[in-house]
Amino acid sequence: MSRNFNENVKKEIHRRESIREDRRIKLIHREHEETKRLFEENPEKFIMDYFQMELKCCYGVLRNFEQFCIYISDMCYYDPESNFRKYFVESRKLTSKVVEAAEKIGFEVEEKRGDCKFTVPAFEKGNRRTPAQLMLYKYERALAKKCRERKKQLIAECKRVKKAISDGKFRDTDSTESCRAIYVKSKEDVQQWGYEEKIVRDFFDKLKLDFQYGDTEEWMFEIN
């Protein structure tokens, strides 16, 4: 009796898992079809939208644009039960269309297996900017303005933190045998591994303080 009960529960679990997996596959298939449909309707806009999303990500961390990729596998669904040759031919056709559309609006494209990498060639004076170069030009101007504003904010906070340390308004703990950790209250979050961290590091390096991290609660330094 208990064995039959256990087996029935396992069968029910297996049935539910099959339903969930079927739904997941159908959802992936629909997403790929929708992505491909959007590309087919307006290839140039599709690529520029991808470019705009990448620039938005770069802007969020105050980073210069370098490159972005479009993965052909996200546009061409592979059904394991179908002919792989058919899938391969379709993906190659899509790749060819992506490259053609991208070059038309001014991108340089490096085609790899399964994806295309896009970069924007440098603008040559005397020529007319391509759509890709124009979007990048506007982005670089906006980024430069944002960087200037952010640098001003961070330098002001650096000066405030420096004064707080000078006035003894910090807490300290053991960090290693040769140095101690200093914590100072702050209202500015500092993004790591980029523009913001470099500004703060450069400021405190002159004071022989090794900046470790900073958030809206406190900034942490090490002092030898």
C-alpha atoms as a PDB file:
ATOM      1  CA  MET A   1       0.000   0.000   0.000  1.00  0.00           C
ATOM      2  CA  SER A   2       2.711   2.468   1.058  1.00  0.00           C
ATOM      3  CA  ARG A   3       4.778   1.472  -2.004  1.00  0.00           C
ATOM      4  CA  ASN A   4       1.900   2.225  -4.374  1.00  0.00           C
ATOM      5  CA  PHE A   5       1.333   5.537  -2.626  1.00  0.00           C
ATOM      6  CA  ASN A   6       5.007   6.455  -3.021  1.00  0.00           C
ATOM      7  CA  GLU A   7       5.032   5.476  -6.692  1.00  0.00           C
ATOM      8  CA  ASN A   8       1.888   7.515  -7.378  1.00  0.00           C
ATOM      9  CA  VAL A   9       3.467  10.582  -5.796  1.00  0.00           C
ATOM     10  CA  LYS A  10       6.577  10.145  -7.955  1.00  0.00           C
ATOM     11  CA  LYS A  11       4.424   9.785 -11.088  1.00  0.00           C
ATOM     12  CA  GLU A  12       2.570  12.974 -10.231  1.00  0.00           C
ATOM     13  CA  ILE A  13       5.851  14.834  -9.676  1.00  0.00           C
ATOM     14  CA  HIS A  14       7.174  13.534 -12.992  1.00  0.00           C
ATOM     15  CA  ARG A  15       3.955  14.615 -14.755  1.00  0.00           C
ATOM     16  CA  ARG A  16       4.240  18.121 -13.329  1.00  0.00           C
ATOM     17  CA  GLU A  17       7.914  18.373 -14.266  1.00  0.00           C
ATOM     18  CA  SER A  18       7.070  17.369 -17.839  1.00  0.00           C
ATOM     19  CA  ILE A  19       4.402  20.065 -18.021  1.00  0.00           C
ATOM     20  CA  ARG A  20       6.746  22.709 -16.620  1.00  0.00           C
ATOM     21  CA  GLU A  21       9.524  21.729 -19.033  1.00  0.00           C
ATOM     22  CA  ASP A  22       7.124  21.812 -21.965  1.00  0.00           C
ATOM     23  CA  ARG A  23       5.968  25.290 -20.965  1.00  0.00           C
ATOM     24  CA  ARG A  24       9.565  26.454 -20.573  1.00  0.00           C
ATOM     25  CA  ILE A  25      10.519  25.221 -24.042  1.00  0.00           C
ATOM     26  CA  LYS A  26       7.444  26.826 -25.612  1.00  0.00           C
ATOM     27  CA  LEU A  27       8.242  30.113 -23.882  1.00  0.00           C
ATOM     28  CA  ILE A  28      11.838  30.070 -25.155  1.00  0.00           C
ATOM     29  CA  HIS A  29      10.576  29.263 -28.646  1.00  0.00           C
ATOM     30  CA  ARG A  30       8.095  32.166 -28.552  1.00  0.00           C
ATOM     31  CA  GLU A  31      10.790  34.568 -27.311  1.00  0.00           C
ATOM     32  CA  HIS A  32      13.121  33.554 -30.138  1.00  0.00           C
ATOM     33  CA  GLU A  33      10.349  33.911 -32.701  1.00  0.00           C
ATOM     34  CA  GLU A  34       9.460  37.370 -31.357  1.00  0.00           C
ATOM     35  CA  THR A  35      13.105  38.474 -31.466  1.00  0.00           C
ATOM     36  CA  LYS A  36      13.443  37.245 -35.022  1.00  0.00           C
ATOM     37  CA  ARG A  37      10.170  38.947 -36.011  1.00  0.00           C
ATOM     38  CA  LEU A  38      11.367  42.299 -34.653  1.00  0.00           C
ATOM     39  CA  PHE A  39      14.609  41.938 -36.589  1.00  0.00           C
ATOM     40  CA  GLU A  40      12.861  41.015 -39.843  1.00  0.00           C
ATOM     41  CA  GLU A  41      10.472  43.999 -39.548  1.00  0.00           C
ATOM     42  CA  ASN A  42      13.250  46.573 -39.195  1.00  0.00           C
ATOM     43  CA  PRO A  43      16.824  45.215 -39.084  1.00  0.00           C
ATOM     44  CA  GLU A  44      18.513  48.596 -38.673  1.00  0.00           C
ATOM     45  CA  LYS A  45      16.257  49.660 -35.786  1.00  0.00           C
ATOM     46  CA  PHE A  46      16.703  46.265 -34.132  1.00  0.00           C
ATOM     47  CA  ILE A  47      20.492  46.685 -34.086  1.00  0.00           C
ATOM     48  CA  MET A  48      20.364  50.331 -33.018  1.00  0.00           C
ATOM     49  CA  ASP A  49      18.065  49.372 -30.119  1.00  0.00           C
ATOM     50  CA  TYR A  50      20.675  46.850 -28.985  1.00  0.00           C
ATOM     51  CA  PHE A  51      23.330  49.560 -29.289  1.00  0.00           C
ATOM     52  CA  GLN A  52      21.222  51.975 -27.249  1.00  0.00           C
ATOM     53  CA  MET A  53      20.765  49.387 -24.488  1.00  0.00           C
ATOM     54  CA  GLU A  54      24.536  48.857 -24.330  1.00  0.00           C
ATOM     55  CA  LEU A  55      25.154  52.603 -24.126  1.00  0.00           C
ATOM     56  CA  LYS A  56      22.612  52.840 -21.316  1.00  0.00           C
ATOM     57  CA  CYS A  57      24.521  50.162 -19.379  1.00  0.00           C
ATOM     58  CA  CYS A  58      27.823  51.966 -19.992  1.00  0.00           C
ATOM     59  CA  TYR A  59      26.327  55.270 -18.858  1.00  0.00           C
ATOM     60  CA  GLY A  60      25.128  53.690 -15.620  1.00  0.00           C
ATOM     61  CA  VAL A  61      28.720  52.876 -14.625  1.00  0.00           C
ATOM     62  CA  LEU A  62      30.329  55.894 -16.351  1.00  0.00           C
ATOM     63  CA  ARG A  63      32.202  53.744 -18.831  1.00  0.00           C
ATOM     64  CA  ASN A  64      33.308  54.391 -22.421  1.00  0.00           C
ATOM     65  CA  PHE A  65      31.655  52.224 -25.050  1.00  0.00           C
ATOM     66  CA  GLU A  66      33.841  49.530 -26.565  1.00  0.00           C
ATOM     67  CA  GLN A  67      31.662  46.866 -28.181  1.00  0.00           C
ATOM     68  CA  PHE A  68      28.468  44.858 -27.949  1.00  0.00           C
ATOM     69  CA  CYS A  69      27.257  41.506 -29.262  1.00  0.00           C
ATOM     70  CA  ILE A  70      24.094  40.087 -30.751  1.00  0.00           C
ATOM     71  CA  TYR A  71      23.742  36.350 -30.235  1.00  0.00           C
ATOM     72  CA  ILE A  72      22.238  34.663 -33.259  1.00  0.00           C
ATOM     73  CA  SER A  73      21.141  31.754 -31.071  1.00  0.00           C
ATOM     74  CA  ASP A  74      18.707  34.171 -29.396  1.00  0.00           C
ATOM     75  CA  MET A  75      17.050  34.722 -32.765  1.00  0.00           C
ATOM     76  CA  CYS A  76      17.076  31.207 -34.179  1.00  0.00           C
ATOM     77  CA  TYR A  77      15.498  28.500 -32.031  1.00  0.00           C
ATOM     78  CA  TYR A  78      16.974  25.031 -32.234  1.00  0.00           C
ATOM     79  CA  ASP A  79      14.513  22.199 -31.796  1.00  0.00           C
ATOM     80  CA  PRO A  80      16.469  19.034 -30.876  1.00  0.00           C
ATOM     81  CA  GLU A  81      13.872  16.969 -32.741  1.00  0.00           C
ATOM     82  CA  SER A  82      14.315  18.887 -35.989  1.00  0.00           C
ATOM     83  CA  ASN A  83      17.041  18.618 -38.597  1.00  0.00           C
ATOM     84  CA  PHE A  84      20.229  20.302 -37.318  1.00  0.00           C
ATOM     85  CA  ARG A  85      21.274  21.097 -40.867  1.00  0.00           C
ATOM     86  CA  LYS A  86      18.107  23.143 -41.307  1.00  0.00           C
ATOM     87  CA  TYR A  87      18.859  25.074 -38.102  1.00  0.00           C
ATOM     88  CA  PHE A  88      22.463  25.675 -39.206  1.00  0.00           C
ATOM     89  CA  VAL A  89      21.386  27.048 -42.604  1.00  0.00           C
ATOM     90  CA  GLU A  90      18.795  29.319 -40.990  1.00  0.00           C
ATOM     91  CA  SER A  91      21.285  30.696 -38.450  1.00  0.00           C
ATOM     92  CA  ARG A  92      23.818  31.398 -41.219  1.00  0.00           C
ATOM     93  CA  LYS A  93      21.182  33.293 -43.204  1.00  0.00           C
ATOM     94  CA  LEU A  94      20.284  35.355 -40.144  1.00  0.00           C
ATOM     95  CA  THR A  95      23.938  36.106 -39.455  1.00  0.00           C
ATOM     96  CA  SER A  96      24.383  37.311 -43.025  1.00  0.00           C
ATOM     97  CA  LYS A  97      21.352  39.618 -42.686  1.00  0.00           C
ATOM     98  CA  VAL A  98      22.581  40.984 -39.351  1.00  0.00           C
ATOM     99  CA  VAL A  99      26.026  41.776 -40.774  1.00  0.00           C
ATOM    100  CA  GLU A 100      24.535  43.436 -43.855  1.00  0.00           C
ATOM    101  CA  ALA A 101      22.143  45.614 -41.819  1.00  0.00           C
ATOM    102  CA  ALA A 102      24.830  46.576 -39.291  1.00  0.00           C
ATOM    103  CA  GLU A 103      27.374  47.618 -41.906  1.00  0.00           C
ATOM    104  CA  LYS A 104      24.683  49.665 -43.634  1.00  0.00           C
ATOM    105  CA  ILE A 105      24.296  51.889 -40.552  1.00  0.00           C
ATOM    106  CA  GLY A 106      28.013  52.216 -39.871  1.00  0.00           C
ATOM    107  CA  PHE A 107      29.136  49.367 -37.619  1.00  0.00           C
ATOM    108  CA  GLU A 108      32.188  47.223 -38.070  1.00  0.00           C
ATOM    109  CA  VAL A 109      31.202  43.596 -37.512  1.00  0.00           C
ATOM    110  CA  GLU A 110      33.305  40.666 -36.400  1.00  0.00           C
ATOM    111  CA  GLU A 111      31.392  37.488 -37.123  1.00  0.00           C
ATOM    112  CA  LYS A 112      31.957  34.552 -34.816  1.00  0.00           C
ATOM    113  CA  ARG A 113      30.196  31.244 -34.545  1.00  0.00           C
ATOM    114  CA  GLY A 114      26.848  31.993 -32.959  1.00  0.00           C
ATOM    115  CA  ASP A 115      27.270  35.742 -32.483  1.00  0.00           C
ATOM    116  CA  CYS A 116      28.265  39.032 -34.072  1.00  0.00           C
ATOM    117  CA  LYS A 117      30.479  41.587 -32.327  1.00  0.00           C
ATOM    118  CA  PHE A 118      29.896  45.245 -33.168  1.00  0.00           C
ATOM    119  CA  THR A 119      32.284  48.182 -32.874  1.00  0.00           C
ATOM    120  CA  VAL A 120      32.029  51.753 -34.171  1.00  0.00           C
ATOM    121  CA  PRO A 121      34.894  52.944 -36.402  1.00  0.00           C
ATOM    122  CA  ALA A 122      36.500  56.282 -35.553  1.00  0.00           C
ATOM    123  CA  PHE A 123      34.961  59.326 -37.203  1.00  0.00           C
ATOM    124  CA  GLU A 124      37.098  60.870 -39.928  1.00  0.00           C
ATOM    125  CA  LYS A 125      36.896  64.627 -40.212  1.00  0.00           C
ATOM    126  CA  GLY A 126      35.281  65.790 -43.439  1.00  0.00           C
ATOM    127  CA  ASN A 127      32.919  62.823 -43.648  1.00  0.00           C
ATOM    128  CA  ARG A 128      29.310  62.611 -42.597  1.00  0.00           C
ATOM    129  CA  ARG A 129      28.689  60.612 -39.437  1.00  0.00           C
ATOM    130  CA  THR A 130      26.914  57.294 -39.856  1.00  0.00           C
ATOM    131  CA  PRO A 131      23.883  56.576 -37.612  1.00  0.00           C
ATOM    132  CA  ALA A 132      26.157  54.493 -35.349  1.00  0.00           C
ATOM    133  CA  GLN A 133      28.801  57.234 -35.146  1.00  0.00           C
ATOM    134  CA  LEU A 134      26.166  59.904 -34.473  1.00  0.00           C
ATOM    135  CA  MET A 135      24.613  57.938 -31.603  1.00  0.00           C
ATOM    136  CA  LEU A 136      28.066  57.303 -30.125  1.00  0.00           C
ATOM    137  CA  TYR A 137      29.011  60.982 -30.494  1.00  0.00           C
ATOM    138  CA  LYS A 138      25.908  62.074 -28.558  1.00  0.00           C
ATOM    139  CA  TYR A 139      26.612  59.447 -25.928  1.00  0.00           C
ATOM    140  CA  GLU A 140      30.216  60.534 -25.446  1.00  0.00           C
ATOM    141  CA  ARG A 141      29.135  64.155 -24.953  1.00  0.00           C
ATOM    142  CA  ALA A 142      26.499  63.144 -22.387  1.00  0.00           C
ATOM    143  CA  LEU A 143      29.004  60.850 -20.635  1.00  0.00           C
ATOM    144  CA  ALA A 144      31.656  63.574 -20.429  1.00  0.00           C
ATOM    145  CA  LYS A 145      29.145  65.948 -18.823  1.00  0.00           C
ATOM    146  CA  LYS A 146      28.011  63.281 -16.354  1.00  0.00           C
ATOM    147  CA  CYS A 147      31.627  62.464 -15.448  1.00  0.00           C
ATOM    148  CA  ARG A 148      32.399  66.113 -14.724  1.00  0.00           C
ATOM    149  CA  GLU A 149      29.346  66.406 -12.482  1.00  0.00           C
ATOM    150  CA  ARG A 150      30.117  63.157 -10.670  1.00  0.00           C
ATOM    151  CA  LYS A 151      33.769  64.085 -10.145  1.00  0.00           C
ATOM    152  CA  LYS A 152      32.699  67.365  -8.538  1.00  0.00           C
ATOM    153  CA  GLN A 153      30.365  65.490  -6.167  1.00  0.00           C
ATOM    154  CA  LEU A 154      32.975  62.897  -5.209  1.00  0.00           C
ATOM    155  CA  ILE A 155      35.774  65.419  -4.630  1.00  0.00           C
ATOM    156  CA  ALA A 156      33.464  67.367  -2.323  1.00  0.00           C
ATOM    157  CA  GLU A 157      32.721  64.158  -0.393  1.00  0.00           C
ATOM    158  CA  CYS A 158      36.430  63.263  -0.301  1.00  0.00           C
ATOM    159  CA  LYS A 159      37.165  66.619   1.323  1.00  0.00           C
ATOM    160  CA  ARG A 160      34.376  66.099   3.855  1.00  0.00           C
ATOM    161  CA  VAL A 161      35.636  62.583   4.695  1.00  0.00           C
ATOM    162  CA  LYS A 162      39.206  63.884   4.999  1.00  0.00           C
ATOM    163  CA  LYS A 163      38.060  66.505   7.518  1.00  0.00           C
ATOM    164  CA  ALA A 164      36.070  63.886   9.457  1.00  0.00           C
ATOM    165  CA  ILE A 165      39.201  61.717   9.727  1.00  0.00           C
ATOM    166  CA  SER A 166      41.261  64.736  10.733  1.00  0.00           C
ATOM    167  CA  ASP A 167      38.722  65.532  13.484  1.00  0.00           C
ATOM    168  CA  GLY A 168      38.851  61.927  14.713  1.00  0.00           C
ATOM    169  CA  LYS A 169      35.310  61.132  13.581  1.00  0.00           C
ATOM    170  CA  PHE A 170      35.995  57.552  12.492  1.00  0.00           C
ATOM    171  CA  ARG A 171      36.086  54.078  13.935  1.00  0.00           C
ATOM    172  CA  ASP A 172      39.038  51.746  13.521  1.00  0.00           C
ATOM    173  CA  THR A 173      39.572  47.993  13.738  1.00  0.00           C
ATOM    174  CA  ASP A 174      42.399  45.539  13.205  1.00  0.00           C
ATOM    175  CA  SER A 175      42.737  44.613   9.555  1.00  0.00           C
ATOM    176  CA  THR A 176      46.055  42.768   9.344  1.00  0.00           C
ATOM    177  CA  GLU A 177      49.187  42.615  11.459  1.00  0.00           C
ATOM    178  CA  SER A 178      50.708  45.544   9.588  1.00  0.00           C
ATOM    179  CA  CYS A 179      47.725  47.851   9.065  1.00  0.00           C
ATOM    180  CA  ARG A 180      44.408  48.977  10.505  1.00  0.00           C
ATOM    181  CA  ALA A 181      41.016  49.597   8.950  1.00  0.00           C
ATOM    182  CA  ILE A 182      39.320  52.998   9.197  1.00  0.00           C
ATOM    183  CA  TYR A 183      35.576  53.533   8.704  1.00  0.00           C
ATOM    184  CA  VAL A 184      34.019  56.937   8.082  1.00  0.00           C
ATOM    185  CA  LYS A 185      30.320  57.744   7.731  1.00  0.00           C
ATOM    186  CA  SER A 186      29.334  58.814   4.227  1.00  0.00           C
ATOM    187  CA  LYS A 187      26.337  59.521   2.027  1.00  0.00           C
ATOM    188  CA  GLU A 188      27.994  58.787  -1.326  1.00  0.00           C
ATOM    189  CA  ASP A 189      28.130  55.358  -2.976  1.00  0.00           C
ATOM    190  CA  VAL A 190      31.363  54.721  -4.923  1.00  0.00           C
ATOM    191  CA  GLN A 191      31.208  52.279  -7.819  1.00  0.00           C
ATOM    192  CA  GLN A 192      34.081  49.814  -7.752  1.00  0.00           C
ATOM    193  CA  TRP A 193      36.540  49.035 -10.555  1.00  0.00           C
ATOM    194  CA  GLY A 194      35.954  52.154 -12.596  1.00  0.00           C
ATOM    195  CA  TYR A 195      35.873  55.935 -12.942  1.00  0.00           C
ATOM    196  CA  GLU A 196      34.437  56.723  -9.516  1.00  0.00           C
ATOM    197  CA  GLU A 197      36.795  54.504  -7.543  1.00  0.00           C
ATOM    198  CA  LYS A 198      39.821  55.968  -9.353  1.00  0.00           C
ATOM    199  CA  ILE A 199      38.832  59.519  -8.363  1.00  0.00           C
ATOM    200  CA  VAL A 200      38.554  58.582  -4.682  1.00  0.00           C
ATOM    201  CA  ARG A 201      41.696  56.426  -4.724  1.00  0.00           C
ATOM    202  CA  ASP A 202      43.786  59.168  -6.340  1.00  0.00           C
ATOM    203  CA  PHE A 203      42.588  61.679  -3.746  1.00  0.00           C
ATOM    204  CA  PHE A 204      43.436  59.533  -0.705  1.00  0.00           C
ATOM    205  CA  ASP A 205      46.614  57.984  -2.113  1.00  0.00           C
ATOM    206  CA  LYS A 206      48.222  61.383  -1.571  1.00  0.00           C
ATOM    207  CA  LEU A 207      47.274  61.086   2.108  1.00  0.00           C
ATOM    208  CA  LYS A 208      48.725  57.557   2.382  1.00  0.00           C
ATOM    209  CA  LEU A 209      45.251  56.088   2.886  1.00  0.00           C
ATOM    210  CA  ASP A 210      44.323  52.988   0.869  1.00  0.00           C
ATOM    211  CA  PHE A 211      40.651  53.292  -0.144  1.00  0.00           C
ATOM    212  CA  GLN A 212      38.886  49.914  -0.076  1.00  0.00           C
ATOM    213  CA  TYR A 213      35.200  50.576  -0.733  1.00  0.00           C
ATOM    214  CA  GLY A 214      32.471  53.137  -0.176  1.00  0.00           C
ATOM    215  CA  ASP A 215      28.692  53.066   0.075  1.00  0.00           C
ATOM    216  CA  THR A 216      25.960  55.320   1.441  1.00  0.00           C
ATOM    217  CA  GLU A 217      26.711  54.084   4.975  1.00  0.00           C
ATOM    218  CA  GLU A 218      30.467  54.464   5.216  1.00  0.00           C
ATOM    219  CA  TRP A 219      33.792  54.514   3.410  1.00  0.00           C
ATOM    220  CA  MET A 220      36.523  52.080   4.413  1.00  0.00           C
ATOM    221  CA  PHE A 221      40.286  52.638   4.226  1.00  0.00           C
ATOM    222  CA  GLU A 222      43.411  50.817   5.311  1.00  0.00           C
ATOM    223  CA  ILE A 223      46.343  52.645   6.833  1.00  0.00           C
ATOM    224  CA  ASN A 224      49.791  51.118   7.294  1.00  0.00           C
END
